[in-house]
């Protein structure tokens, strides 16, 4: 069950989406051209996943019942 979060940037409440930094195309190119940099880039992409706002993509998420969310809602 996904937990809803509140975005302090766009004031949206919803289930965050998982975002991976980097580019899949660059990852594939590095694998084909250079094996070691491809491994390093793939590992970096795997460890850089983070939740983001489903509306604006921001990472400034707080629980919907937090004081910050209550203050921003007005």
PDB file of N, CA and C in Angstrom:
ATOM      1  N   UNK A   1       0.841  -1.182   0.000  1.00  0.00           N
ATOM      2  CA  UNK A   1       0.000   0.000   0.000  1.00  0.00           C
ATOM      3  C   UNK A   1       0.885   1.243   0.000  1.00  0.00           C
ATOM      4  N   UNK A   2       0.684   2.125  -0.964  1.00  0.00           N
ATOM      5  CA  UNK A   2       1.495   3.320  -1.087  1.00  0.00           C
ATOM      6  C   UNK A   2       1.022   4.387  -0.104  1.00  0.00           C
ATOM      7  N   UNK A   3       1.966   5.133   0.389  1.00  0.00           N
ATOM      8  CA  UNK A   3       1.689   6.170   1.373  1.00  0.00           C
ATOM      9  C   UNK A   3       1.598   7.515   0.671  1.00  0.00           C
ATOM     10  N   UNK A   4       0.554   8.272   0.931  1.00  0.00           N
ATOM     11  CA  UNK A   4       0.417   9.585   0.313  1.00  0.00           C
ATOM     12  C   UNK A   4       1.338  10.576   1.005  1.00  0.00           C
ATOM     13  N   UNK A   5       1.805  11.538   0.225  1.00  0.00           N
ATOM     14  CA  UNK A   5       2.676  12.585   0.731  1.00  0.00           C
ATOM     15  C   UNK A   5       2.157  13.926   0.221  1.00  0.00           C
ATOM     16  N   UNK A   6       2.619  15.002   0.844  1.00  0.00           N
ATOM     17  CA  UNK A   6       2.210  16.355   0.491  1.00  0.00           C
ATOM     18  C   UNK A   6       3.416  17.091  -0.087  1.00  0.00           C
ATOM     19  N   UNK A   7       3.263  17.675  -1.257  1.00  0.00           N
ATOM     20  CA  UNK A   7       4.343  18.414  -1.909  1.00  0.00           C
ATOM     21  C   UNK A   7       4.313  19.864  -1.423  1.00  0.00           C
ATOM     22  N   UNK A   8       5.429  20.318  -0.865  1.00  0.00           N
ATOM     23  CA  UNK A   8       5.484  21.695  -0.365  1.00  0.00           C
ATOM     24  C   UNK A   8       5.735  22.709  -1.477  1.00  0.00           C
ATOM     25  N   UNK A   9       6.031  22.240  -2.683  1.00  0.00           N
ATOM     26  CA  UNK A   9       6.253  23.156  -3.798  1.00  0.00           C
ATOM     27  C   UNK A   9       4.947  23.480  -4.524  1.00  0.00           C
ATOM     28  N   UNK A  10       4.177  22.452  -4.912  1.00  0.00           N
ATOM     29  CA  UNK A  10       2.950  22.704  -5.685  1.00  0.00           C
ATOM     30  C   UNK A  10       1.678  22.453  -4.876  1.00  0.00           C
ATOM     31  N   UNK A  11       1.816  22.051  -3.609  1.00  0.00           N
ATOM     32  CA  UNK A  11       0.704  21.836  -2.674  1.00  0.00           C
ATOM     33  C   UNK A  11      -0.222  20.694  -3.095  1.00  0.00           C
ATOM     34  N   UNK A  12       0.333  19.694  -3.762  1.00  0.00           N
ATOM     35  CA  UNK A  12      -0.423  18.529  -4.193  1.00  0.00           C
ATOM     36  C   UNK A  12      -0.246  17.408  -3.182  1.00  0.00           C
ATOM     37  N   UNK A  13      -1.315  16.690  -2.924  1.00  0.00           N
ATOM     38  CA  UNK A  13      -1.235  15.510  -2.068  1.00  0.00           C
ATOM     39  C   UNK A  13      -1.496  14.286  -2.929  1.00  0.00           C
ATOM     40  N   UNK A  14      -0.602  13.302  -2.841  1.00  0.00           N
ATOM     41  CA  UNK A  14      -0.768  12.103  -3.633  1.00  0.00           C
ATOM     42  C   UNK A  14       0.330  11.102  -3.356  1.00  0.00           C
ATOM     43  N   UNK A  15       0.249   9.986  -4.062  1.00  0.00           N
ATOM     44  CA  UNK A  15       1.248   8.926  -3.927  1.00  0.00           C
ATOM     45  C   UNK A  15       2.466   9.327  -4.750  1.00  0.00           C
ATOM     46  N   UNK A  16       3.648   9.404  -4.135  1.00  0.00           N
ATOM     47  CA  UNK A  16       4.842   9.793  -4.882  1.00  0.00           C
ATOM     48  C   UNK A  16       5.217   8.769  -5.949  1.00  0.00           C
ATOM     49  N   UNK A  17       5.856   9.254  -6.994  1.00  0.00           N
ATOM     50  CA  UNK A  17       6.372   8.355  -8.028  1.00  0.00           C
ATOM     51  C   UNK A  17       7.874   8.198  -7.798  1.00  0.00           C
ATOM     52  N   UNK A  18       8.422   7.044  -8.165  1.00  0.00           N
ATOM     53  CA  UNK A  18       9.857   6.822  -8.047  1.00  0.00           C
ATOM     54  C   UNK A  18      10.556   7.372  -9.277  1.00  0.00           C
ATOM     55  N   UNK A  19      11.575   8.176  -9.052  1.00  0.00           N
ATOM     56  CA  UNK A  19      12.313   8.815 -10.127  1.00  0.00           C
ATOM     57  C   UNK A  19      13.765   8.350 -10.068  1.00  0.00           C
ATOM     58  N   UNK A  20      14.313   8.030 -11.222  1.00  0.00           N
ATOM     59  CA  UNK A  20      15.713   7.636 -11.325  1.00  0.00           C
ATOM     60  C   UNK A  20      16.471   8.736 -12.045  1.00  0.00           C
ATOM     61  N   UNK A  21      17.568   9.192 -11.443  1.00  0.00           N
ATOM     62  CA  UNK A  21      18.393  10.219 -12.078  1.00  0.00           C
ATOM     63  C   UNK A  21      19.112   9.625 -13.280  1.00  0.00           C
ATOM     64  N   UNK A  22      19.553  10.499 -14.166  1.00  0.00           N
ATOM     65  CA  UNK A  22      20.310  10.045 -15.322  1.00  0.00           C
ATOM     66  C   UNK A  22      19.426   9.715 -16.513  1.00  0.00           C
ATOM     67  N   UNK A  23      20.056   9.122 -17.509  1.00  0.00           N
ATOM     68  CA  UNK A  23      19.376   8.826 -18.760  1.00  0.00           C
ATOM     69  C   UNK A  23      19.590   7.368 -19.156  1.00  0.00           C
ATOM     70  N   UNK A  24      18.514   6.714 -19.550  1.00  0.00           N
ATOM     71  CA  UNK A  24      18.615   5.329 -19.997  1.00  0.00           C
ATOM     72  C   UNK A  24      19.442   5.231 -21.275  1.00  0.00           C
ATOM     73  N   UNK A  25      19.286   6.215 -22.165  1.00  0.00           N
ATOM     74  CA  UNK A  25      20.040   6.198 -23.426  1.00  0.00           C
ATOM     75  C   UNK A  25      21.543   6.300 -23.173  1.00  0.00           C
ATOM     76  N   UNK A  26      21.942   7.154 -22.231  1.00  0.00           N
ATOM     77  CA  UNK A  26      23.359   7.274 -21.890  1.00  0.00           C
ATOM     78  C   UNK A  26      23.856   5.974 -21.279  1.00  0.00           C
ATOM     79  N   UNK A  27      23.045   5.354 -20.451  1.00  0.00           N
ATOM     80  CA  UNK A  27      23.422   4.083 -19.828  1.00  0.00           C
ATOM     81  C   UNK A  27      23.680   3.005 -20.889  1.00  0.00           C
ATOM     82  N   UNK A  28      22.780   2.900 -21.854  1.00  0.00           N
ATOM     83  CA  UNK A  28      22.943   1.906 -22.919  1.00  0.00           C
ATOM     84  C   UNK A  28      24.189   2.206 -23.748  1.00  0.00           C
ATOM     85  N   UNK A  29      24.403   3.473 -24.081  1.00  0.00           N
ATOM     86  CA  UNK A  29      25.581   3.854 -24.869  1.00  0.00           C
ATOM     87  C   UNK A  29      26.869   3.517 -24.128  1.00  0.00           C
ATOM     88  N   UNK A  30      26.912   3.787 -22.837  1.00  0.00           N
ATOM     89  CA  UNK A  30      28.108   3.469 -22.058  1.00  0.00           C
ATOM     90  C   UNK A  30      28.350   1.968 -22.000  1.00  0.00           C
ATOM     91  N   UNK A  31      27.282   1.186 -21.902  1.00  0.00           N
ATOM     92  CA  UNK A  31      27.448  -0.271 -21.881  1.00  0.00           C
ATOM     93  C   UNK A  31      28.021  -0.776 -23.206  1.00  0.00           C
ATOM     94  N   UNK A  32      27.550  -0.211 -24.313  1.00  0.00           N
ATOM     95  CA  UNK A  32      28.031  -0.664 -25.620  1.00  0.00           C
ATOM     96  C   UNK A  32      29.450  -0.187 -25.920  1.00  0.00           C
ATOM     97  N   UNK A  33      29.765   1.017 -25.475  1.00  0.00           N
ATOM     98  CA  UNK A  33      31.069   1.590 -25.802  1.00  0.00           C
ATOM     99  C   UNK A  33      32.157   1.240 -24.782  1.00  0.00           C
ATOM    100  N   UNK A  34      31.824   1.364 -23.519  1.00  0.00           N
ATOM    101  CA  UNK A  34      32.809   1.165 -22.457  1.00  0.00           C
ATOM    102  C   UNK A  34      32.153   0.385 -21.327  1.00  0.00           C
ATOM    103  N   UNK A  35      32.627  -0.796 -21.058  1.00  0.00           N
ATOM    104  CA  UNK A  35      31.983  -1.656 -20.068  1.00  0.00           C
ATOM    105  C   UNK A  35      32.093  -1.101 -18.641  1.00  0.00           C
ATOM    106  N   UNK A  36      33.275  -0.721 -18.207  1.00  0.00           N
ATOM    107  CA  UNK A  36      33.451  -0.249 -16.824  1.00  0.00           C
ATOM    108  C   UNK A  36      32.652   1.026 -16.537  1.00  0.00           C
ATOM    109  N   UNK A  37      32.715   2.058 -17.385  1.00  0.00           N
ATOM    110  CA  UNK A  37      31.863   3.227 -17.122  1.00  0.00           C
ATOM    111  C   UNK A  37      30.367   2.883 -17.146  1.00  0.00           C
ATOM    112  N   UNK A  38      29.991   1.916 -17.966  1.00  0.00           N
ATOM    113  CA  UNK A  38      28.587   1.484 -17.990  1.00  0.00           C
ATOM    114  C   UNK A  38      28.169   0.885 -16.665  1.00  0.00           C
ATOM    115  N   UNK A  39      29.039   0.090 -16.060  1.00  0.00           N
ATOM    116  CA  UNK A  39      28.747  -0.504 -14.753  1.00  0.00           C
ATOM    117  C   UNK A  39      28.623   0.583 -13.692  1.00  0.00           C
ATOM    118  N   UNK A  40      29.566   1.511 -13.687  1.00  0.00           N
ATOM    119  CA  UNK A  40      29.549   2.595 -12.699  1.00  0.00           C
ATOM    120  C   UNK A  40      28.294   3.444 -12.857  1.00  0.00           C
ATOM    121  N   UNK A  41      27.950   3.795 -14.088  1.00  0.00           N
ATOM    122  CA  UNK A  41      26.761   4.616 -14.347  1.00  0.00           C
ATOM    123  C   UNK A  41      25.488   3.876 -13.937  1.00  0.00           C
ATOM    124  N   UNK A  42      25.412   2.590 -14.236  1.00  0.00           N
ATOM    125  CA  UNK A  42      24.240   1.793 -13.854  1.00  0.00           C
ATOM    126  C   UNK A  42      24.089   1.725 -12.344  1.00  0.00           C
ATOM    127  N   UNK A  43      25.194   1.517 -11.649  1.00  0.00           N
ATOM    128  CA  UNK A  43      25.141   1.475 -10.184  1.00  0.00           C
ATOM    129  C   UNK A  43      24.711   2.819  -9.609  1.00  0.00           C
ATOM    130  N   UNK A  44      25.226   3.906 -10.183  1.00  0.00           N
ATOM    131  CA  UNK A  44      24.823   5.236  -9.726  1.00  0.00           C
ATOM    132  C   UNK A  44      23.324   5.454  -9.941  1.00  0.00           C
ATOM    133  N   UNK A  45      22.816   5.051 -11.103  1.00  0.00           N
ATOM    134  CA  UNK A  45      21.381   5.219 -11.378  1.00  0.00           C
ATOM    135  C   UNK A  45      20.533   4.397 -10.412  1.00  0.00           C
ATOM    136  N   UNK A  46      20.976   3.163 -10.118  1.00  0.00           N
ATOM    137  CA  UNK A  46      20.215   2.313  -9.204  1.00  0.00           C
ATOM    138  C   UNK A  46      20.163   2.879  -7.797  1.00  0.00           C
ATOM    139  N   UNK A  47      21.237   3.539  -7.368  1.00  0.00           N
ATOM    140  CA  UNK A  47      21.283   4.077  -6.008  1.00  0.00           C
ATOM    141  C   UNK A  47      20.720   5.490  -5.907  1.00  0.00           C
ATOM    142  N   UNK A  48      20.381   6.117  -7.025  1.00  0.00           N
ATOM    143  CA  UNK A  48      19.885   7.488  -6.987  1.00  0.00           C
ATOM    144  C   UNK A  48      18.365   7.578  -7.099  1.00  0.00           C
ATOM    145  N   UNK A  49      17.680   6.469  -6.994  1.00  0.00           N
ATOM    146  CA  UNK A  49      16.215   6.507  -7.052  1.00  0.00           C
ATOM    147  C   UNK A  49      15.672   7.227  -5.825  1.00  0.00           C
ATOM    148  N   UNK A  50      14.635   8.028  -6.041  1.00  0.00           N
ATOM    149  CA  UNK A  50      14.031   8.765  -4.938  1.00  0.00           C
ATOM    150  C   UNK A  50      12.559   9.059  -5.245  1.00  0.00           C
ATOM    151  N   UNK A  51      11.764   9.234  -4.200  1.00  0.00           N
ATOM    152  CA  UNK A  51      10.358   9.584  -4.426  1.00  0.00           C
ATOM    153  C   UNK A  51      10.234  11.050  -4.844  1.00  0.00           C
ATOM    154  N   UNK A  52       9.272  11.317  -5.725  1.00  0.00           N
ATOM    155  CA  UNK A  52       9.039  12.678  -6.197  1.00  0.00           C
ATOM    156  C   UNK A  52       7.544  12.918  -6.333  1.00  0.00           C
ATOM    157  N   UNK A  53       7.172  14.183  -6.345  1.00  0.00           N
ATOM    158  CA  UNK A  53       5.776  14.577  -6.485  1.00  0.00           C
ATOM    159  C   UNK A  53       5.234  14.086  -7.830  1.00  0.00           C
ATOM    160  N   UNK A  54       4.058  13.467  -7.840  1.00  0.00           N
ATOM    161  CA  UNK A  54       3.497  12.995  -9.108  1.00  0.00           C
ATOM    162  C   UNK A  54       3.053  14.138 -10.022  1.00  0.00           C
ATOM    163  N   UNK A  55       2.882  15.322  -9.478  1.00  0.00           N
ATOM    164  CA  UNK A  55       2.410  16.448 -10.265  1.00  0.00           C
ATOM    165  C   UNK A  55       3.555  17.281 -10.853  1.00  0.00           C
ATOM    166  N   UNK A  56       4.503  17.703  -9.993  1.00  0.00           N
ATOM    167  CA  UNK A  56       5.556  18.609 -10.460  1.00  0.00           C
ATOM    168  C   UNK A  56       6.949  17.992 -10.462  1.00  0.00           C
ATOM    169  N   UNK A  57       7.119  16.821  -9.857  1.00  0.00           N
ATOM    170  CA  UNK A  57       8.414  16.152  -9.838  1.00  0.00           C
ATOM    171  C   UNK A  57       9.358  16.615  -8.746  1.00  0.00           C
ATOM    172  N   UNK A  58       8.903  17.483  -7.867  1.00  0.00           N
ATOM    173  CA  UNK A  58       9.753  17.998  -6.791  1.00  0.00           C
ATOM    174  C   UNK A  58      10.016  16.914  -5.745  1.00  0.00           C
ATOM    175  N   UNK A  59      11.120  17.078  -5.014  1.00  0.00           N
ATOM    176  CA  UNK A  59      11.451  16.114  -3.964  1.00  0.00           C
ATOM    177  C   UNK A  59      11.108  16.645  -2.576  1.00  0.00           C
ATOM    178  N   UNK A  60      10.507  17.814  -2.499  1.00  0.00           N
ATOM    179  CA  UNK A  60      10.145  18.421  -1.222  1.00  0.00           C
ATOM    180  C   UNK A  60       8.809  17.847  -0.740  1.00  0.00           C
ATOM    181  N   UNK A  61       8.835  16.612  -0.249  1.00  0.00           N
ATOM    182  CA  UNK A  61       7.633  15.924   0.191  1.00  0.00           C
ATOM    183  C   UNK A  61       7.638  15.770   1.703  1.00  0.00           C
ATOM    184  N   UNK A  62       6.465  15.973   2.305  1.00  0.00           N
ATOM    185  CA  UNK A  62       6.285  15.781   3.739  1.00  0.00           C
ATOM    186  C   UNK A  62       5.007  14.979   3.953  1.00  0.00           C
ATOM    187  N   UNK A  63       4.867  14.328   5.103  1.00  0.00           N
ATOM    188  CA  UNK A  63       3.602  13.632   5.386  1.00  0.00           C
ATOM    189  C   UNK A  63       2.441  14.621   5.390  1.00  0.00           C
ATOM    190  N   UNK A  64       1.258  14.201   4.945  1.00  0.00           N
ATOM    191  CA  UNK A  64       0.127  15.123   4.849  1.00  0.00           C
ATOM    192  C   UNK A  64      -0.379  15.645   6.191  1.00  0.00           C
ATOM    193  N   UNK A  65      -0.053  14.971   7.275  1.00  0.00           N
ATOM    194  CA  UNK A  65      -0.507  15.438   8.591  1.00  0.00           C
ATOM    195  C   UNK A  65       0.601  16.164   9.355  1.00  0.00           C
ATOM    196  N   UNK A  66       1.694  16.504   8.684  1.00  0.00           N
ATOM    197  CA  UNK A  66       2.806  17.200   9.331  1.00  0.00           C
ATOM    198  C   UNK A  66       2.450  18.674   9.551  1.00  0.00           C
ATOM    199  N   UNK A  67       3.124  19.328  10.493  1.00  0.00           N
ATOM    200  CA  UNK A  67       2.875  20.758  10.718  1.00  0.00           C
ATOM    201  C   UNK A  67       3.135  21.605   9.467  1.00  0.00           C
ATOM    202  N   UNK A  68       4.138  21.256   8.687  1.00  0.00           N
ATOM    203  CA  UNK A  68       4.428  22.030   7.470  1.00  0.00           C
ATOM    204  C   UNK A  68       3.277  21.930   6.471  1.00  0.00           C
ATOM    205  N   UNK A  69       2.733  20.742   6.280  1.00  0.00           N
ATOM    206  CA  UNK A  69       1.612  20.571   5.353  1.00  0.00           C
ATOM    207  C   UNK A  69       0.381  21.311   5.846  1.00  0.00           C
ATOM    208  N   UNK A  70       0.104  21.239   7.143  1.00  0.00           N
ATOM    209  CA  UNK A  70      -1.063  21.948   7.700  1.00  0.00           C
ATOM    210  C   UNK A  70      -0.896  23.452   7.550  1.00  0.00           C
ATOM    211  N   UNK A  71       0.329  23.963   7.761  1.00  0.00           N
ATOM    212  CA  UNK A  71       0.580  25.395   7.643  1.00  0.00           C
ATOM    213  C   UNK A  71       0.414  25.859   6.193  1.00  0.00           C
ATOM    214  N   UNK A  72       0.880  25.071   5.231  1.00  0.00           N
ATOM    215  CA  UNK A  72       0.792  25.455   3.818  1.00  0.00           C
ATOM    216  C   UNK A  72      -0.643  25.391   3.281  1.00  0.00           C
ATOM    217  N   UNK A  73      -1.412  24.492   3.832  1.00  0.00           N
ATOM    218  CA  UNK A  73      -2.828  24.400   3.394  1.00  0.00           C
ATOM    219  C   UNK A  73      -3.629  25.604   3.841  1.00  0.00           C
ATOM    220  N   UNK A  74      -3.167  26.232   4.892  1.00  0.00           N
ATOM    221  CA  UNK A  74      -3.831  27.434   5.386  1.00  0.00           C
ATOM    222  C   UNK A  74      -4.777  27.121   6.437  1.00  0.00           C
TER     223      UNK A  74
END
